[in-house]
Structures are given as C-alpha cells and as structure tokens.
Protein backbone atom coordinates (compact mmCIF):
# COMPACT_ATOMS: atom_id res chain seq x y z
CA MET A 1 -61.82 73.88 5.64
CA ARG A 2 -58.96 73.09 3.29
CA ARG A 3 -55.94 71.49 4.88
CA ILE A 4 -53.54 72.89 2.26
CA ALA A 5 -54.40 76.54 2.80
CA LYS A 6 -53.67 79.66 0.78
CA HIS A 7 -50.55 80.48 2.82
CA HIS A 8 -49.15 77.01 2.13
CA ILE A 9 -49.67 77.50 -1.61
CA GLU A 10 -48.04 80.93 -1.50
CA HIS A 11 -45.05 79.56 0.41
CA TYR A 12 -44.70 76.73 -2.11
CA HIS A 13 -44.61 79.11 -5.05
CA GLU A 14 -42.14 81.46 -3.36
CA HIS A 15 -39.80 78.90 -1.79
CA GLY A 16 -40.37 75.65 -3.69
CA TYR A 17 -41.82 73.77 -0.74
CA ALA A 18 -44.50 73.92 1.94
CA ILE A 19 -45.04 72.24 5.30
CA VAL A 20 -48.57 71.43 6.48
CA GLU A 21 -48.59 70.48 10.15
CA GLY A 22 -51.37 68.09 11.12
CA PHE A 23 -52.45 67.40 7.54
CA LEU A 24 -54.02 64.05 8.47
CA ASN A 25 -56.99 64.06 10.80
CA ALA A 26 -57.04 61.85 13.89
CA ASP A 27 -58.96 59.01 12.23
CA GLU A 28 -56.67 58.95 9.16
CA LEU A 29 -53.52 58.98 11.26
CA SER A 30 -54.78 56.30 13.64
CA GLY A 31 -55.99 54.10 10.77
CA ALA A 32 -52.75 54.44 8.83
CA ARG A 33 -50.65 53.64 11.90
CA GLY A 34 -52.82 50.59 12.53
CA GLU A 35 -52.07 49.32 9.03
CA LEU A 36 -48.38 50.10 9.47
CA ARG A 37 -48.31 47.88 12.55
CA ASP A 38 -49.31 44.96 10.33
CA ILE A 39 -47.11 45.85 7.35
CA LEU A 40 -43.99 46.75 9.34
CA PRO A 41 -44.09 44.72 12.57
CA GLY A 42 -42.51 46.51 15.49
CA TRP A 43 -41.80 49.82 13.74
CA VAL A 44 -44.66 51.93 15.10
CA GLU A 45 -44.03 50.62 18.59
CA TYR A 46 -40.28 51.32 18.40
CA CYS A 47 -40.74 54.81 16.91
CA ASP A 48 -43.20 55.67 19.69
CA ASP A 49 -41.00 54.18 22.42
CA PRO A 50 -37.32 53.72 21.49
CA THR A 51 -36.63 51.95 24.78
CA ARG A 52 -38.32 48.95 23.17
CA PRO A 53 -36.28 46.50 21.06
CA LYS A 54 -35.67 47.52 17.44
CA PRO A 55 -38.02 45.90 14.93
CA PRO A 56 -37.16 42.56 13.30
CA ASP A 57 -34.87 43.05 10.28
CA TRP A 58 -34.54 46.71 11.26
CA ASP A 59 -31.36 47.09 9.20
CA ARG A 60 -32.81 46.10 5.81
CA SER A 61 -33.29 48.74 3.14
CA GLY A 62 -36.72 50.26 2.70
CA GLY A 63 -36.10 52.16 -0.54
CA PRO A 64 -38.60 52.21 -3.44
CA GLY A 65 -36.32 50.18 -5.70
CA ASN A 66 -35.62 47.48 -3.13
CA VAL A 67 -37.32 44.12 -3.56
CA PHE A 68 -38.31 44.29 0.11
CA GLY A 69 -39.77 47.77 -0.21
CA HIS A 70 -43.42 48.38 0.58
CA ARG A 71 -45.26 50.07 -2.26
CA PHE A 72 -48.83 50.81 -3.32
CA PRO A 73 -51.28 49.13 -3.15
CA PHE A 74 -51.14 48.33 0.55
CA PRO A 75 -53.17 45.87 2.60
CA GLY A 76 -56.12 47.69 4.13
CA THR A 77 -57.79 50.94 3.18
CA PHE A 78 -56.22 53.93 4.96
CA LEU A 79 -52.79 54.05 3.29
CA ASN A 80 -54.38 53.55 -0.13
CA ALA A 81 -56.96 56.27 0.52
CA ILE A 82 -54.23 58.65 1.71
CA THR A 83 -52.27 57.96 -1.49
CA MET A 84 -55.28 59.23 -3.47
CA HIS A 85 -56.24 61.94 -0.96
CA PRO A 86 -58.36 64.58 -2.78
CA GLU A 87 -56.27 67.49 -1.49
CA LEU A 88 -53.02 65.89 -2.66
CA VAL A 89 -54.53 65.27 -6.09
CA GLU A 90 -56.00 68.76 -6.30
CA PHE A 91 -52.77 70.52 -5.34
CA ALA A 92 -50.74 68.50 -7.87
CA HIS A 93 -53.43 69.10 -10.52
CA ARG A 94 -53.21 72.87 -10.05
CA ALA A 95 -49.40 72.82 -9.96
CA ALA A 96 -49.44 70.98 -13.31
CA GLY A 97 -51.63 73.63 -14.90
CA GLY A 98 -54.74 71.47 -14.82
CA SER A 99 -53.11 68.50 -16.60
CA GLU A 100 -54.43 64.99 -16.19
CA LEU A 101 -52.29 63.19 -13.61
CA PHE A 102 -51.02 59.78 -12.68
CA CYS A 103 -49.67 58.66 -9.33
CA GLU A 104 -46.07 57.81 -10.13
CA GLN A 105 -45.02 56.84 -6.61
CA SER A 106 -46.42 55.68 -3.30
CA HIS A 107 -44.10 53.81 -0.98
CA LEU A 108 -43.40 53.57 2.72
CA HIS A 109 -40.22 54.99 4.17
CA PHE A 110 -38.85 53.61 7.42
CA LYS A 111 -35.50 54.13 9.08
CA CYS A 112 -33.74 54.41 12.42
CA LYS A 113 -30.24 55.08 13.73
CA GLY A 114 -27.82 52.67 12.05
CA HIS A 115 -30.27 51.80 9.26
CA PRO A 116 -28.94 51.92 5.64
CA ALA A 117 -31.02 55.08 5.12
CA ASP A 118 -29.45 56.77 8.16
CA GLN A 119 -27.28 59.09 6.08
CA ASP A 120 -26.01 62.65 6.02
CA GLN A 121 -27.13 63.22 2.43
CA VAL A 122 -25.91 65.92 0.09
CA MET A 123 -28.29 68.63 -1.09
CA HIS A 124 -30.07 67.36 -4.18
CA CYS A 125 -33.13 67.61 -6.41
CA ASP A 126 -35.16 64.43 -6.88
CA TYR A 127 -35.52 64.60 -10.64
CA GLY A 128 -32.51 62.32 -11.17
CA ASN A 129 -34.69 59.22 -10.94
CA HIS A 130 -38.10 60.77 -11.63
CA THR A 131 -37.57 61.84 -15.23
CA LEU A 132 -35.46 60.71 -18.18
CA ALA A 133 -35.08 64.31 -19.29
CA TYR A 134 -34.98 67.61 -17.35
CA PRO A 135 -37.73 69.26 -15.26
CA PRO A 136 -38.53 72.61 -16.88
CA ASN A 137 -40.19 75.46 -15.04
CA LEU A 138 -43.39 74.83 -17.01
CA PRO A 139 -46.65 73.62 -15.42
CA ALA A 140 -47.36 71.07 -18.17
CA TYR A 141 -44.36 69.02 -16.97
CA TRP A 142 -44.61 69.72 -13.24
CA GLN A 143 -44.26 66.81 -10.80
CA THR A 144 -45.38 67.28 -7.20
CA ALA A 145 -43.88 65.20 -4.40
CA TYR A 146 -45.18 64.66 -0.88
CA LEU A 147 -43.67 63.14 2.24
CA LEU A 148 -46.15 62.26 4.97
CA TYR A 149 -44.83 61.64 8.47
CA TYR A 150 -46.56 58.94 10.53
CA THR A 151 -44.42 59.47 13.62
CA ASP A 152 -43.14 62.60 15.35
CA VAL A 153 -39.98 64.19 13.96
CA THR A 154 -37.70 66.06 16.35
CA GLU A 155 -34.15 67.28 15.78
CA ALA A 156 -33.00 63.81 16.86
CA HIS A 157 -35.20 62.02 14.30
CA ALA A 158 -33.18 62.73 11.15
CA PRO A 159 -35.37 65.63 10.00
CA THR A 160 -35.53 66.34 6.29
CA ALA A 161 -33.64 69.53 5.44
CA VAL A 162 -34.89 71.78 2.64
CA CYS A 163 -33.52 74.98 1.11
CA SER A 164 -35.66 77.78 -0.29
CA ARG A 165 -35.45 78.36 -4.03
CA GLN A 166 -34.45 81.93 -3.18
CA HIS A 167 -30.92 80.56 -2.68
CA TYR A 168 -30.54 78.87 -6.08
CA PRO A 169 -31.79 81.35 -8.67
CA GLU A 170 -29.81 79.90 -11.59
CA ARG A 171 -31.75 79.13 -14.77
CA ILE A 172 -30.53 75.53 -15.21
CA LEU A 173 -30.51 73.37 -12.06
CA TRP A 174 -27.58 71.14 -12.94
CA PRO A 175 -25.76 69.55 -11.22
CA ALA A 176 -28.75 68.19 -9.32
CA ARG A 177 -26.63 67.53 -6.21
CA TYR A 178 -23.95 69.51 -4.39
CA GLN A 179 -21.45 68.75 -1.67
CA ARG A 180 -21.33 71.32 1.10
CA GLU A 181 -17.98 72.72 -0.03
CA ARG A 182 -19.32 73.45 -3.53
CA ARG A 183 -22.56 75.19 -2.52
CA PRO A 184 -22.33 76.08 1.20
CA GLU A 185 -25.26 78.51 0.92
CA LEU A 186 -27.63 75.58 0.30
CA TYR A 187 -26.61 74.09 3.64
CA ASP A 188 -26.29 77.35 5.55
CA ASN A 189 -29.87 78.24 4.62
CA GLU A 190 -31.50 74.85 5.09
CA HIS A 191 -34.68 74.48 7.13
CA ARG A 192 -35.08 71.25 9.11
CA ILE A 193 -38.60 69.86 9.12
CA VAL A 194 -39.49 69.18 12.75
CA VAL A 195 -43.17 68.27 12.89
CA PRO A 196 -45.71 66.12 14.74
CA ALA A 197 -47.04 62.87 13.30
CA GLY A 198 -49.59 63.41 10.54
CA SER A 199 -47.75 66.35 8.97
CA LEU A 200 -46.98 66.84 5.28
CA PHE A 201 -43.93 68.08 3.36
CA ILE A 202 -44.69 69.28 -0.20
CA TYR A 203 -41.91 69.86 -2.72
CA SER A 204 -41.05 69.65 -6.41
CA MET A 205 -38.42 68.07 -8.62
CA ARG A 206 -36.72 71.48 -8.63
CA THR A 207 -36.41 71.70 -4.82
CA PHE A 208 -33.04 71.18 -3.14
CA HIS A 209 -33.38 69.09 0.01
CA ARG A 210 -31.59 66.26 1.83
CA GLY A 211 -31.88 63.61 4.51
CA THR A 212 -29.97 64.22 7.75
CA PRO A 213 -28.59 61.61 10.18
CA PHE A 214 -30.16 60.46 13.43
CA HIS A 215 -28.78 61.92 16.64
CA ALA A 216 -30.30 59.35 18.98
CA ASP A 217 -31.44 55.73 18.95
CA VAL A 218 -34.86 56.52 17.56
CA GLY A 219 -36.86 55.75 14.40
CA ARG A 220 -39.11 57.43 11.87
CA LEU A 221 -41.96 56.31 9.59
CA GLY A 222 -43.27 58.07 6.51
CA GLN A 223 -44.76 57.70 3.04
CA PHE A 224 -43.56 59.21 -0.23
CA ILE A 225 -46.32 60.07 -2.73
CA THR A 226 -45.65 61.73 -6.09
CA TYR A 227 -47.96 62.87 -8.88
CA ALA A 228 -46.99 63.71 -12.47
CA PRO A 229 -48.76 64.79 -15.66
CA ALA A 230 -50.05 61.66 -17.39
CA ALA A 231 -49.23 62.73 -20.94
CA TRP A 232 -45.45 62.35 -20.78
CA ARG A 233 -43.88 58.90 -20.87
CA TRP A 234 -40.47 60.12 -19.67
CA LEU A 235 -41.80 60.93 -16.20
CA GLY A 236 -42.19 58.56 -13.27
CA ILE A 237 -39.98 56.78 -10.75
CA VAL A 238 -41.60 53.41 -11.46
CA GLY A 239 -40.43 53.49 -15.10
CA TRP A 240 -37.07 53.91 -16.84
CA SER A 241 -36.50 57.20 -15.02
CA ALA A 242 -35.59 55.23 -11.90
CA TYR A 243 -32.43 54.08 -13.70
CA ALA A 244 -31.49 57.45 -15.17
CA ILE A 245 -29.56 58.31 -12.02
CA LYS A 246 -27.06 55.53 -12.80
CA ARG A 247 -23.91 56.44 -14.74
CA GLU A 248 -24.08 53.42 -17.06
CA PHE A 249 -27.67 54.25 -18.01
CA ARG A 250 -26.79 57.88 -18.72
CA ASP A 251 -23.89 56.64 -20.86
CA TRP A 252 -26.37 54.63 -22.94
CA ILE A 253 -28.74 57.60 -23.28
CA GLU A 254 -25.88 59.77 -24.53
CA GLN A 255 -24.83 57.38 -27.30
CA ALA A 256 -28.34 56.22 -28.36
CA THR A 257 -30.15 57.54 -31.41
CA PRO A 258 -33.23 59.75 -30.95
CA ALA A 259 -35.39 56.83 -32.10
CA GLN A 260 -33.82 54.49 -29.54
CA ARG A 261 -34.35 57.02 -26.76
CA GLU A 262 -37.96 57.47 -27.84
CA MET A 263 -38.57 53.74 -27.37
CA LEU A 264 -37.93 54.33 -23.65
CA GLY A 265 -40.31 57.27 -23.60
CA PHE A 266 -37.76 60.07 -24.11
CA PRO A 267 -39.30 63.17 -25.78
CA PRO A 268 -38.65 63.01 -29.56
CA PRO A 269 -37.27 65.85 -31.70
CA GLY A 270 -39.98 68.34 -32.57
CA HIS A 271 -42.02 67.64 -29.41
CA SER A 272 -43.51 70.68 -27.68
CA TYR A 273 -41.40 69.77 -24.63
CA TRP A 274 -38.31 71.16 -26.36
CA THR A 275 -37.67 74.81 -25.54
CA ALA A 276 -34.54 76.87 -24.96
CA GLU A 277 -34.66 75.85 -21.29
CA THR A 278 -35.13 72.11 -21.84
CA LEU A 279 -32.52 71.97 -24.60
CA ASP A 280 -30.00 73.52 -22.23
CA GLY A 281 -31.17 71.47 -19.25
CA VAL A 282 -30.93 68.11 -21.02
CA SER A 283 -27.61 69.11 -22.56
CA ALA A 284 -26.26 69.94 -19.11
CA ARG A 285 -27.45 66.63 -17.67
CA TYR A 286 -26.21 64.51 -20.61
CA ARG A 287 -22.97 66.27 -21.54
CA ASN A 288 -21.98 63.86 -24.33
CA MET A 289 -25.39 63.69 -25.97
CA ASP A 290 -25.71 65.06 -29.50
CA MET A 291 -28.45 67.65 -29.20
CA THR A 292 -28.37 68.55 -32.90
CA PRO A 293 -31.56 66.65 -33.88
CA TYR A 294 -33.49 68.34 -31.09
CA ARG A 295 -32.13 71.82 -31.74
CA ASP A 296 -32.61 71.48 -35.48
CA ALA A 297 -36.23 70.41 -35.07
CA CYS A 298 -36.86 73.44 -32.83
CA SER A 299 -35.31 75.70 -35.45
CA ARG A 300 -37.57 74.26 -38.18
CA ASP A 301 -40.65 74.63 -36.00
CA GLY A 302 -39.91 78.08 -34.81
C-alpha cells in the first residue's frame, strides 16, 4: 500500500501541501532515531522527556547554511535511505512532470524553546534561497520539499503553520514573505501541523508557510529533504541560490550582465524557461534588473 495516497496527492494539488501521518514505518522511525542519538547527543532523549537536561550546546544554530549543521550523507544507513525514499522520489518525479531529479537538500532540523530557531516567523515561500530565478507554475521547474518529523509535534512544539493556496490566488507570488498586517488572511487561515513522530509534511516553493514559537520547554527533531529537476542549474539550496535571499547578492544580480548571471547558472536569454509568467516573476523579484535582453529574446522566438 502506498504511503502517499491518492487523497494526499489531491490535497497537494488543491491546497499546495499535504500531510501524511505515520509516513515512516516503525523500523524506519526507530532506526532513524537511533542514528539521531549518535549524531545529536541528548536531543532525542530531551524531546521525548523535557524534564531531562537540555542537550549539550542546545543553543547553537542547526540551519543548513551553518558550519555546525548536519547534512547528507549521515553516519549510518537509515537517514540516508530515508533521504532517497522511493515514495519521496516518485512523488517529486510526478510533480516535476517526469523530469530527471536531483536531491538538492537533506539536512537535520533541531530546535527547542530558546533556541535560535525558536521564532515566530512571517508567512513565506521557500524559493528565496532555493532558486536564483522565480518558481513558475510549470512542472518542468517544480521543486518538491518535505519535512519529516522524528518526534511528536503538539501545539506546544512550535508546529509548522501552512496556508492553503486558495488564499493567495495572485498570478505572481512576490513578495515571497508577508508580515501579518500586510496579509492577515494568510495567518487567519493557517493550519498548524500537529502530528505524531514519523509524519511527513509535503509542500512546494509556491506554498506559504511559517515556523511558530514554542509554548513550553520542549524540543523537536526533523529532517528537510528537497528534490528538484536536474536540468536547471539555477535551482538548489546547496548552490548559489542559497545566497539569493541576501540583499547584497540580489543587488549584484540586478547590475550583472546576462552573461555574468549565466556563469552562476541563471537562465540565459532565449531559454525555454522564459515565459510571460517567469519574465514578470523575475522582474518582480529583481526590481532593478534590466529585463530587456530576456524579453527581446522571447519576442524573437515567438
């Protein structure tokens, strides 16, 4: 029996996300948690029983760009096998219209109350540091993100909040982040993901979501896994896209020549990526960028 069932797929297409409770079987969850005990000493024990002392160095950052972050490949076999889980690959493959894929991200995520990641985040889409360009609503460029939970998530455990795409129907999703006062409907209609250990959150680069703060002295362990079409060099959090969220990097992109951008993997003028949607999306993201070479090449081709 498939773990990502038809109703999950239908929900994903309608709302931009899906939640699969109990995605991991008992052996996978137990094996992964065993490896986590070695990789992150004290974290599994604390998350299971918050009356225990917090783990050593509990207040250090665990983000993917941090030198102390824990990224693929991992010691052992379970976390690596889960990264390449056949159902995760298959779902991302279908979402990308059958494109060949690469795994652009696999890193552990750990936090507790008072940790640097204990934040009341704003609603945002993740494409800011997953692509140099803009994520069009086209399967050939579709990135699929997963968050696996290795410990229980209650309302106290900083549950991820996600908003259905039904509440942001605009054609161009820029800005990619909104304060509550600017788009209250994104917050008023958020769904908080409260799930048992072993559950899976599926979303896209076009899905508005956010982290919420802890409401008790507890902790949470998870793993981010993301797949992207292999053909496009401007995709992937482990490449230059990771820096595209920074203002100084965007400033450089805006003033660079098309040839200079291409050296970083940016789609060149005349590439099939460029459509009316992507021209407008990139222009919205990079306001001071001269789009003339890209628009002119589209006019010549079409």
